[in-house]
Amino acid sequence: MTWPSRQQAIAWFLAPVLLLTVAGVHSYLVEAKNQTPWEGGGFGMFSTMDKRQARFVRCTLITPERAVPVPTPSHLDPYVERMRARPTELRVRRLAQFLARADWVRAEASAVDTTIGAPDRPAGLYRYQPPYETADRPVATVETVRVEVWRARFRSEPYQLAAEPLVRATRAPDDPS
């Protein structure tokens, strides 16, 4: 019997250690940082429905009159996608801060829809007004903005699909960054 060379022994030892390290880091990110099991290696991804597409972001403007759900501006879609995959307190706070400082105007009557749309694009009374756009409508008075990241989960007792919050933040327009 011939003994393996030193390089072969190191390679045989290093491969399982590397695999266990990657699996350990991935497990930590899933449990401690709310990363989906489908991202960053995918260990256990087929054992759960918790993936980016099963998560949604809710943004709500709190005005003096009432709380109004609003869609995120479309230019923030890549940021929102990353936030759905791995929602962190910092990402949610930054989005809430941006939305709180943004200008919101009343939507045109034809744009206000009373049907339930996609969770990421709810119909509402207000729409984001980009800085380059002018409108004859007055800018809404925003007291605070609430941003929440939710995920869908199957509950075994009773058998149902339910949503549970992962991360949320509330910011006022004058809050420091």
N, C-alpha and C. Protein backbone atom coordinates (compact mmCIF):
# COMPACT_ATOMS: atom_id res chain seq x y z
N MET A 1 0.83 -1.17 0.00
CA MET A 1 0.00 0.00 0.00
C MET A 1 0.89 1.24 0.00
N THR A 2 0.55 2.17 -0.87
CA THR A 2 1.32 3.41 -0.93
C THR A 2 0.55 4.52 -0.22
N TRP A 3 1.28 5.28 0.52
CA TRP A 3 0.66 6.40 1.24
C TRP A 3 0.50 7.58 0.30
N PRO A 4 -0.57 8.36 0.52
CA PRO A 4 -0.75 9.53 -0.36
C PRO A 4 0.34 10.56 -0.09
N SER A 5 0.60 11.32 -1.12
CA SER A 5 1.60 12.38 -0.95
C SER A 5 1.04 13.46 -0.02
N ARG A 6 1.94 14.31 0.39
CA ARG A 6 1.52 15.38 1.31
C ARG A 6 0.47 16.28 0.66
N GLN A 7 0.64 16.60 -0.62
CA GLN A 7 -0.32 17.45 -1.34
C GLN A 7 -1.68 16.76 -1.45
N GLN A 8 -1.70 15.46 -1.71
CA GLN A 8 -2.97 14.74 -1.79
C GLN A 8 -3.67 14.71 -0.43
N ALA A 9 -2.92 14.50 0.63
CA ALA A 9 -3.50 14.47 1.97
C ALA A 9 -4.10 15.83 2.33
N ILE A 10 -3.40 16.90 1.99
CA ILE A 10 -3.92 18.25 2.27
C ILE A 10 -5.19 18.50 1.45
N ALA A 11 -5.19 18.09 0.18
CA ALA A 11 -6.37 18.29 -0.66
C ALA A 11 -7.56 17.49 -0.13
N TRP A 12 -7.34 16.26 0.31
CA TRP A 12 -8.43 15.44 0.84
C TRP A 12 -8.98 16.03 2.14
N PHE A 13 -8.11 16.62 2.92
CA PHE A 13 -8.54 17.24 4.17
C PHE A 13 -9.20 18.60 3.91
N LEU A 14 -8.64 19.38 2.99
CA LEU A 14 -9.10 20.73 2.74
C LEU A 14 -10.50 20.78 2.09
N ALA A 15 -10.81 19.87 1.20
CA ALA A 15 -12.11 19.89 0.51
C ALA A 15 -13.28 19.78 1.48
N PRO A 16 -13.31 18.80 2.40
CA PRO A 16 -14.44 18.74 3.33
C PRO A 16 -14.48 19.94 4.28
N VAL A 17 -13.31 20.43 4.70
CA VAL A 17 -13.28 21.59 5.59
C VAL A 17 -13.86 22.81 4.88
N LEU A 18 -13.50 23.01 3.64
CA LEU A 18 -14.02 24.12 2.86
C LEU A 18 -15.53 24.00 2.67
N LEU A 19 -16.02 22.82 2.35
CA LEU A 19 -17.46 22.61 2.18
C LEU A 19 -18.21 22.88 3.48
N LEU A 20 -17.69 22.41 4.60
CA LEU A 20 -18.34 22.66 5.89
C LEU A 20 -18.31 24.14 6.26
N THR A 21 -17.25 24.83 5.91
CA THR A 21 -17.17 26.28 6.18
C THR A 21 -18.20 27.04 5.37
N VAL A 22 -18.32 26.72 4.07
CA VAL A 22 -19.30 27.39 3.22
C VAL A 22 -20.71 27.10 3.73
N ALA A 23 -21.00 25.86 4.08
CA ALA A 23 -22.33 25.51 4.60
C ALA A 23 -22.60 26.21 5.93
N GLY A 24 -21.59 26.32 6.78
CA GLY A 24 -21.76 27.00 8.06
C GLY A 24 -22.04 28.49 7.91
N VAL A 25 -21.29 29.14 7.03
CA VAL A 25 -21.51 30.57 6.78
C VAL A 25 -22.90 30.78 6.18
N HIS A 26 -23.30 29.94 5.25
CA HIS A 26 -24.62 30.06 4.64
C HIS A 26 -25.72 29.87 5.69
N SER A 27 -25.58 28.87 6.54
CA SER A 27 -26.57 28.65 7.60
C SER A 27 -26.67 29.85 8.54
N TYR A 28 -25.53 30.44 8.87
CA TYR A 28 -25.53 31.63 9.71
C TYR A 28 -26.28 32.77 9.04
N LEU A 29 -26.01 33.03 7.75
CA LEU A 29 -26.68 34.12 7.05
C LEU A 29 -28.18 33.90 6.95
N VAL A 30 -28.60 32.66 6.77
CA VAL A 30 -30.03 32.36 6.69
C VAL A 30 -30.71 32.60 8.03
N GLU A 31 -30.11 32.13 9.11
CA GLU A 31 -30.73 32.24 10.43
C GLU A 31 -30.58 33.62 11.05
N ALA A 32 -29.40 34.20 10.98
CA ALA A 32 -29.14 35.45 11.68
C ALA A 32 -29.42 36.70 10.85
N LYS A 33 -29.30 36.61 9.55
CA LYS A 33 -29.41 37.80 8.70
C LYS A 33 -30.59 37.76 7.75
N ASN A 34 -31.51 36.82 7.90
CA ASN A 34 -32.73 36.74 7.08
C ASN A 34 -32.47 36.52 5.60
N GLN A 35 -31.31 36.02 5.24
CA GLN A 35 -31.06 35.71 3.83
C GLN A 35 -31.90 34.52 3.43
N THR A 36 -32.39 34.50 2.19
CA THR A 36 -33.17 33.35 1.76
C THR A 36 -32.25 32.15 1.57
N PRO A 37 -32.74 30.95 1.81
CA PRO A 37 -31.91 29.76 1.59
C PRO A 37 -31.52 29.58 0.12
N TRP A 38 -32.23 30.24 -0.77
CA TRP A 38 -31.95 30.12 -2.20
C TRP A 38 -30.76 30.98 -2.63
N GLU A 39 -30.36 31.93 -1.81
CA GLU A 39 -29.26 32.84 -2.17
C GLU A 39 -27.96 32.37 -1.52
N GLY A 40 -26.86 32.66 -2.14
CA GLY A 40 -25.55 32.46 -1.54
C GLY A 40 -25.15 31.02 -1.32
N GLY A 41 -25.43 30.14 -2.23
CA GLY A 41 -24.99 28.76 -2.08
C GLY A 41 -26.12 27.77 -2.20
N GLY A 42 -27.28 28.11 -1.67
CA GLY A 42 -28.47 27.31 -1.86
C GLY A 42 -28.56 26.05 -1.04
N PHE A 43 -27.89 25.94 0.12
CA PHE A 43 -28.04 24.76 0.95
C PHE A 43 -29.45 24.76 1.54
N GLY A 44 -30.20 23.71 1.32
CA GLY A 44 -31.54 23.61 1.86
C GLY A 44 -32.59 24.36 1.06
N MET A 45 -32.26 24.77 -0.14
CA MET A 45 -33.20 25.60 -0.88
C MET A 45 -34.46 24.86 -1.29
N PHE A 46 -34.41 23.57 -1.48
CA PHE A 46 -35.61 22.85 -1.88
C PHE A 46 -36.47 22.42 -0.70
N SER A 47 -36.01 22.69 0.50
CA SER A 47 -36.78 22.30 1.68
C SER A 47 -37.70 23.41 2.17
N THR A 48 -37.71 24.56 1.48
CA THR A 48 -38.51 25.69 1.93
C THR A 48 -39.01 26.49 0.74
N MET A 49 -40.08 27.21 0.95
CA MET A 49 -40.56 28.12 -0.08
C MET A 49 -40.05 29.53 0.15
N ASP A 50 -39.22 29.71 1.15
CA ASP A 50 -38.69 31.03 1.48
C ASP A 50 -37.63 31.43 0.47
N LYS A 51 -38.07 32.09 -0.58
CA LYS A 51 -37.16 32.61 -1.59
C LYS A 51 -37.57 34.04 -1.90
N ARG A 52 -36.79 34.70 -2.69
CA ARG A 52 -37.01 36.12 -2.98
C ARG A 52 -38.43 36.37 -3.51
N GLN A 53 -38.93 35.49 -4.35
CA GLN A 53 -40.25 35.69 -4.94
C GLN A 53 -41.38 35.52 -3.93
N ALA A 54 -41.11 34.91 -2.78
CA ALA A 54 -42.13 34.72 -1.74
C ALA A 54 -42.04 35.80 -0.67
N ARG A 55 -41.26 36.83 -0.93
CA ARG A 55 -41.13 37.95 0.00
C ARG A 55 -41.65 39.20 -0.68
N PHE A 56 -42.16 40.12 0.11
CA PHE A 56 -42.65 41.36 -0.47
C PHE A 56 -42.37 42.53 0.46
N VAL A 57 -42.33 43.69 -0.15
CA VAL A 57 -42.02 44.93 0.56
C VAL A 57 -43.29 45.79 0.59
N ARG A 58 -43.63 46.25 1.78
CA ARG A 58 -44.78 47.16 1.95
C ARG A 58 -44.26 48.52 2.38
N CYS A 59 -44.67 49.54 1.66
CA CYS A 59 -44.32 50.91 1.99
C CYS A 59 -45.60 51.67 2.28
N THR A 60 -45.62 52.39 3.38
CA THR A 60 -46.82 53.11 3.80
C THR A 60 -46.45 54.53 4.17
N LEU A 61 -47.15 55.49 3.57
CA LEU A 61 -47.00 56.89 3.95
C LEU A 61 -47.97 57.17 5.09
N ILE A 62 -47.49 57.76 6.14
CA ILE A 62 -48.35 58.17 7.24
C ILE A 62 -48.55 59.68 7.07
N THR A 63 -49.75 60.08 6.67
CA THR A 63 -50.09 61.49 6.47
C THR A 63 -50.98 61.94 7.63
N PRO A 64 -51.22 63.23 7.76
CA PRO A 64 -52.12 63.68 8.82
C PRO A 64 -53.53 63.07 8.71
N GLU A 65 -53.95 62.75 7.51
CA GLU A 65 -55.29 62.18 7.32
C GLU A 65 -55.36 60.69 7.63
N ARG A 66 -54.35 59.92 7.11
CA ARG A 66 -54.39 58.46 7.26
C ARG A 66 -53.09 57.82 6.77
N ALA A 67 -53.04 56.51 6.92
CA ALA A 67 -51.92 55.73 6.39
C ALA A 67 -52.29 55.25 4.99
N VAL A 68 -51.38 55.45 4.04
CA VAL A 68 -51.67 55.13 2.65
C VAL A 68 -50.57 54.23 2.10
N PRO A 69 -50.91 53.03 1.59
CA PRO A 69 -49.87 52.20 0.95
C PRO A 69 -49.45 52.84 -0.38
N VAL A 70 -48.15 52.81 -0.63
CA VAL A 70 -47.62 53.36 -1.88
C VAL A 70 -46.64 52.37 -2.49
N PRO A 71 -46.51 52.40 -3.81
CA PRO A 71 -45.50 51.55 -4.45
C PRO A 71 -44.12 52.18 -4.32
N THR A 72 -43.11 51.36 -4.37
CA THR A 72 -41.75 51.90 -4.39
C THR A 72 -41.50 52.46 -5.79
N PRO A 73 -40.74 53.52 -5.90
CA PRO A 73 -40.41 54.05 -7.23
C PRO A 73 -39.70 52.99 -8.07
N SER A 74 -40.03 52.95 -9.34
CA SER A 74 -39.51 51.89 -10.21
C SER A 74 -37.99 51.94 -10.36
N HIS A 75 -37.37 53.11 -10.22
CA HIS A 75 -35.91 53.17 -10.36
C HIS A 75 -35.21 52.49 -9.18
N LEU A 76 -35.94 52.16 -8.11
CA LEU A 76 -35.36 51.47 -6.96
C LEU A 76 -35.58 49.95 -7.02
N ASP A 77 -36.11 49.44 -8.11
CA ASP A 77 -36.39 48.00 -8.22
C ASP A 77 -35.17 47.12 -7.94
N PRO A 78 -33.97 47.41 -8.48
CA PRO A 78 -32.81 46.56 -8.15
C PRO A 78 -32.49 46.57 -6.65
N TYR A 79 -32.62 47.72 -6.02
CA TYR A 79 -32.36 47.82 -4.58
C TYR A 79 -33.39 47.01 -3.79
N VAL A 80 -34.65 47.11 -4.19
CA VAL A 80 -35.72 46.38 -3.50
C VAL A 80 -35.54 44.87 -3.70
N GLU A 81 -35.08 44.45 -4.86
CA GLU A 81 -34.83 43.02 -5.10
C GLU A 81 -33.74 42.49 -4.16
N ARG A 82 -32.67 43.25 -4.00
CA ARG A 82 -31.61 42.83 -3.07
C ARG A 82 -32.15 42.81 -1.64
N MET A 83 -32.99 43.77 -1.31
CA MET A 83 -33.55 43.84 0.03
C MET A 83 -34.49 42.65 0.29
N ARG A 84 -35.20 42.20 -0.73
CA ARG A 84 -36.08 41.03 -0.55
C ARG A 84 -35.25 39.77 -0.32
N ALA A 85 -34.09 39.67 -0.98
CA ALA A 85 -33.24 38.48 -0.83
C ALA A 85 -32.56 38.45 0.53
N ARG A 86 -32.10 39.61 0.99
CA ARG A 86 -31.43 39.69 2.30
C ARG A 86 -31.76 41.02 2.96
N PRO A 87 -32.92 41.07 3.61
CA PRO A 87 -33.32 42.33 4.24
C PRO A 87 -32.52 42.61 5.50
N THR A 88 -31.88 43.74 5.53
CA THR A 88 -31.14 44.15 6.71
C THR A 88 -31.79 45.42 7.27
N GLU A 89 -31.53 45.68 8.53
CA GLU A 89 -32.06 46.89 9.16
C GLU A 89 -31.59 48.12 8.40
N LEU A 90 -30.33 48.13 8.00
CA LEU A 90 -29.76 49.28 7.31
C LEU A 90 -30.46 49.53 5.97
N ARG A 91 -30.65 48.48 5.17
CA ARG A 91 -31.32 48.63 3.88
C ARG A 91 -32.74 49.15 4.04
N VAL A 92 -33.47 48.62 5.00
CA VAL A 92 -34.85 49.03 5.21
C VAL A 92 -34.90 50.48 5.70
N ARG A 93 -34.00 50.85 6.62
CA ARG A 93 -33.95 52.23 7.10
C ARG A 93 -33.61 53.20 5.99
N ARG A 94 -32.66 52.82 5.13
CA ARG A 94 -32.28 53.71 4.02
C ARG A 94 -33.43 53.92 3.05
N LEU A 95 -34.15 52.85 2.73
CA LEU A 95 -35.30 53.00 1.84
C LEU A 95 -36.37 53.87 2.49
N ALA A 96 -36.63 53.65 3.78
CA ALA A 96 -37.63 54.47 4.48
C ALA A 96 -37.19 55.93 4.50
N GLN A 97 -35.92 56.19 4.72
CA GLN A 97 -35.42 57.57 4.74
C GLN A 97 -35.57 58.21 3.37
N PHE A 98 -35.24 57.49 2.31
CA PHE A 98 -35.39 58.03 0.96
C PHE A 98 -36.85 58.36 0.68
N LEU A 99 -37.75 57.43 1.00
CA LEU A 99 -39.17 57.65 0.73
C LEU A 99 -39.73 58.78 1.57
N ALA A 100 -39.24 58.93 2.80
CA ALA A 100 -39.73 60.01 3.67
C ALA A 100 -39.31 61.38 3.14
N ARG A 101 -38.14 61.47 2.54
CA ARG A 101 -37.66 62.75 2.02
C ARG A 101 -38.12 63.03 0.60
N ALA A 102 -38.71 62.04 -0.07
CA ALA A 102 -39.16 62.21 -1.45
C ALA A 102 -40.44 63.03 -1.50
N ASP A 103 -40.74 63.54 -2.68
CA ASP A 103 -41.99 64.27 -2.90
C ASP A 103 -43.06 63.29 -3.36
N TRP A 104 -44.22 63.38 -2.75
CA TRP A 104 -45.37 62.54 -3.09
C TRP A 104 -46.52 63.47 -3.46
N VAL A 105 -47.15 63.19 -4.58
CA VAL A 105 -48.29 64.00 -5.03
C VAL A 105 -49.50 63.10 -5.18
N ARG A 106 -50.67 63.71 -5.14
CA ARG A 106 -51.90 62.93 -5.34
C ARG A 106 -51.89 62.35 -6.75
N ALA A 107 -52.27 61.10 -6.84
CA ALA A 107 -52.32 60.43 -8.14
C ALA A 107 -53.52 60.93 -8.92
N GLU A 108 -53.42 60.86 -10.23
CA GLU A 108 -54.54 61.24 -11.07
C GLU A 108 -55.68 60.26 -10.85
N ALA A 109 -56.89 60.71 -11.08
CA ALA A 109 -58.06 59.87 -10.82
C ALA A 109 -58.00 58.56 -11.59
N SER A 110 -57.47 58.58 -12.81
CA SER A 110 -57.40 57.36 -13.60
C SER A 110 -56.33 56.41 -13.07
N ALA A 111 -55.35 56.93 -12.32
CA ALA A 111 -54.27 56.09 -11.79
C ALA A 111 -54.64 55.43 -10.47
N VAL A 112 -55.69 55.92 -9.81
CA VAL A 112 -56.09 55.34 -8.54
C VAL A 112 -56.95 54.12 -8.83
N ASP A 113 -56.50 53.00 -8.38
CA ASP A 113 -57.17 51.72 -8.63
C ASP A 113 -57.66 51.18 -7.30
N THR A 114 -58.89 50.70 -7.28
CA THR A 114 -59.44 50.16 -6.03
C THR A 114 -59.25 48.65 -5.94
N THR A 115 -58.74 48.03 -6.99
CA THR A 115 -58.50 46.59 -6.93
C THR A 115 -57.18 46.32 -6.25
N ILE A 116 -57.03 45.10 -5.80
CA ILE A 116 -55.79 44.72 -5.15
C ILE A 116 -54.80 44.31 -6.22
N GLY A 117 -53.65 44.98 -6.22
CA GLY A 117 -52.62 44.68 -7.21
C GLY A 117 -51.54 43.80 -6.61
N ALA A 118 -50.41 43.81 -7.23
CA ALA A 118 -49.27 43.05 -6.72
C ALA A 118 -48.84 43.66 -5.39
N PRO A 119 -48.38 42.85 -4.44
CA PRO A 119 -47.98 43.39 -3.14
C PRO A 119 -46.89 44.45 -3.21
N ASP A 120 -45.99 44.34 -4.20
CA ASP A 120 -44.92 45.33 -4.31
C ASP A 120 -45.38 46.61 -5.00
N ARG A 121 -46.51 46.59 -5.65
CA ARG A 121 -47.02 47.75 -6.36
C ARG A 121 -48.49 48.00 -5.99
N PRO A 122 -48.76 48.30 -4.72
CA PRO A 122 -50.15 48.52 -4.33
C PRO A 122 -50.69 49.80 -4.92
N ALA A 123 -51.99 49.79 -5.20
CA ALA A 123 -52.64 51.00 -5.68
C ALA A 123 -52.80 51.96 -4.51
N GLY A 124 -52.75 53.22 -4.76
CA GLY A 124 -52.86 54.17 -3.67
C GLY A 124 -53.30 55.53 -4.15
N LEU A 125 -53.35 56.46 -3.24
CA LEU A 125 -53.78 57.81 -3.56
C LEU A 125 -52.62 58.71 -3.92
N TYR A 126 -51.39 58.27 -3.65
CA TYR A 126 -50.22 59.09 -3.90
C TYR A 126 -49.25 58.37 -4.81
N ARG A 127 -48.46 59.16 -5.53
CA ARG A 127 -47.41 58.60 -6.36
C ARG A 127 -46.13 59.39 -6.14
N TYR A 128 -45.01 58.72 -6.36
CA TYR A 128 -43.70 59.35 -6.23
C TYR A 128 -43.51 60.35 -7.35
N GLN A 129 -43.00 61.53 -7.01
CA GLN A 129 -42.71 62.53 -8.02
C GLN A 129 -41.20 62.70 -8.13
N PRO A 130 -40.61 62.28 -9.25
CA PRO A 130 -39.15 62.43 -9.40
C PRO A 130 -38.75 63.91 -9.36
N PRO A 131 -37.51 64.19 -8.99
CA PRO A 131 -37.06 65.59 -8.88
C PRO A 131 -37.14 66.37 -10.19
N TYR A 132 -37.01 65.67 -11.33
CA TYR A 132 -37.02 66.36 -12.62
C TYR A 132 -38.43 66.66 -13.12
N GLU A 133 -39.44 66.18 -12.44
CA GLU A 133 -40.82 66.34 -12.88
C GLU A 133 -41.51 67.43 -12.07
N THR A 134 -42.38 68.18 -12.73
CA THR A 134 -43.19 69.16 -12.02
C THR A 134 -44.65 68.76 -12.15
N ALA A 135 -45.42 69.09 -11.14
CA ALA A 135 -46.83 68.75 -11.16
C ALA A 135 -47.62 69.93 -10.61
N ASP A 136 -48.85 70.04 -11.07
CA ASP A 136 -49.70 71.11 -10.58
C ASP A 136 -50.41 70.73 -9.28
N ARG A 137 -50.20 69.52 -8.85
CA ARG A 137 -50.81 69.06 -7.60
C ARG A 137 -49.90 69.40 -6.43
N PRO A 138 -50.48 69.68 -5.26
CA PRO A 138 -49.63 69.97 -4.10
C PRO A 138 -48.92 68.71 -3.60
N VAL A 139 -47.75 68.92 -3.05
CA VAL A 139 -46.98 67.82 -2.48
C VAL A 139 -47.63 67.39 -1.17
N ALA A 140 -47.71 66.09 -0.95
CA ALA A 140 -48.35 65.55 0.25
C ALA A 140 -47.52 65.86 1.49
N THR A 141 -48.21 66.04 2.60
CA THR A 141 -47.53 66.21 3.88
C THR A 141 -47.31 64.82 4.46
N VAL A 142 -46.06 64.45 4.59
CA VAL A 142 -45.71 63.12 5.08
C VAL A 142 -45.14 63.27 6.49
N GLU A 143 -45.80 62.62 7.45
CA GLU A 143 -45.30 62.64 8.82
C GLU A 143 -44.20 61.59 9.00
N THR A 144 -44.48 60.37 8.57
CA THR A 144 -43.50 59.29 8.61
C THR A 144 -43.76 58.33 7.46
N VAL A 145 -42.77 57.49 7.21
CA VAL A 145 -42.89 56.41 6.22
C VAL A 145 -42.53 55.12 6.92
N ARG A 146 -43.34 54.09 6.71
CA ARG A 146 -43.07 52.77 7.26
C ARG A 146 -42.75 51.82 6.11
N VAL A 147 -41.62 51.14 6.21
CA VAL A 147 -41.21 50.14 5.22
C VAL A 147 -41.09 48.81 5.94
N GLU A 148 -41.71 47.78 5.36
CA GLU A 148 -41.69 46.45 5.96
C GLU A 148 -41.34 45.41 4.90
N VAL A 149 -40.57 44.42 5.30
CA VAL A 149 -40.29 43.27 4.44
C VAL A 149 -40.98 42.07 5.08
N TRP A 150 -41.81 41.40 4.31
CA TRP A 150 -42.58 40.25 4.78
C TRP A 150 -42.20 39.02 3.97
N ARG A 151 -42.45 37.85 4.57
CA ARG A 151 -42.27 36.61 3.82
C ARG A 151 -43.50 35.72 4.01
N ALA A 152 -43.77 34.93 2.99
CA ALA A 152 -44.88 33.98 3.05
C ALA A 152 -44.37 32.68 3.64
N ARG A 153 -45.17 32.08 4.50
CA ARG A 153 -44.81 30.82 5.16
C ARG A 153 -46.03 29.91 5.18
N PHE A 154 -45.77 28.62 5.11
CA PHE A 154 -46.84 27.64 5.31
C PHE A 154 -46.92 27.32 6.79
N ARG A 155 -48.11 27.36 7.33
CA ARG A 155 -48.34 26.98 8.72
C ARG A 155 -48.97 25.58 8.71
N SER A 156 -48.50 24.74 9.61
CA SER A 156 -49.00 23.38 9.63
C SER A 156 -50.30 23.25 10.43
N GLU A 157 -50.48 24.08 11.43
CA GLU A 157 -51.70 24.02 12.23
C GLU A 157 -52.29 25.39 12.38
N PRO A 158 -53.41 25.72 11.85
CA PRO A 158 -54.12 25.03 10.77
C PRO A 158 -53.35 25.21 9.45
N TYR A 159 -53.62 24.35 8.51
CA TYR A 159 -52.92 24.39 7.24
C TYR A 159 -53.31 25.67 6.50
N GLN A 160 -52.36 26.56 6.39
CA GLN A 160 -52.64 27.82 5.71
C GLN A 160 -51.35 28.50 5.29
N LEU A 161 -51.50 29.40 4.36
CA LEU A 161 -50.40 30.25 3.94
C LEU A 161 -50.55 31.57 4.70
N ALA A 162 -49.48 31.99 5.35
CA ALA A 162 -49.53 33.21 6.15
C ALA A 162 -48.31 34.06 5.87
N ALA A 163 -48.45 35.36 6.11
CA ALA A 163 -47.33 36.28 5.95
C ALA A 163 -46.82 36.67 7.33
N GLU A 164 -45.51 36.77 7.44
CA GLU A 164 -44.92 37.21 8.71
C GLU A 164 -43.87 38.27 8.43
N PRO A 165 -43.80 39.28 9.29
CA PRO A 165 -42.82 40.35 9.06
C PRO A 165 -41.40 39.89 9.40
N LEU A 166 -40.46 40.35 8.59
CA LEU A 166 -39.05 40.08 8.82
C LEU A 166 -38.35 41.29 9.42
N VAL A 167 -38.45 42.42 8.73
CA VAL A 167 -37.78 43.64 9.15
C VAL A 167 -38.71 44.81 8.85
N ARG A 168 -38.70 45.81 9.75
CA ARG A 168 -39.48 47.02 9.49
C ARG A 168 -38.75 48.23 10.05
N ALA A 169 -39.03 49.37 9.43
CA ALA A 169 -38.44 50.63 9.89
C ALA A 169 -39.43 51.75 9.63
N THR A 170 -39.42 52.73 10.51
CA THR A 170 -40.25 53.91 10.36
C THR A 170 -39.34 55.12 10.44
N ARG A 171 -39.46 56.02 9.47
CA ARG A 171 -38.61 57.20 9.43
C ARG A 171 -39.45 58.43 9.11
N ALA A 172 -39.09 59.55 9.70
CA ALA A 172 -39.70 60.84 9.42
C ALA A 172 -38.80 61.59 8.45
N PRO A 173 -39.36 62.55 7.70
CA PRO A 173 -38.52 63.29 6.75
C PRO A 173 -37.35 64.03 7.39
N ASP A 174 -37.50 64.45 8.64
CA ASP A 174 -36.43 65.21 9.27
C ASP A 174 -35.51 64.36 10.14
N ASP A 175 -35.66 63.02 10.11
CA ASP A 175 -34.75 62.15 10.86
C ASP A 175 -33.35 62.24 10.26
N PRO A 176 -32.33 62.25 11.11
CA PRO A 176 -30.97 62.26 10.56
C PRO A 176 -30.66 60.94 9.88
N SER A 177 -29.75 60.96 8.95
CA SER A 177 -29.41 59.75 8.20
C SER A 177 -28.84 58.74 9.04
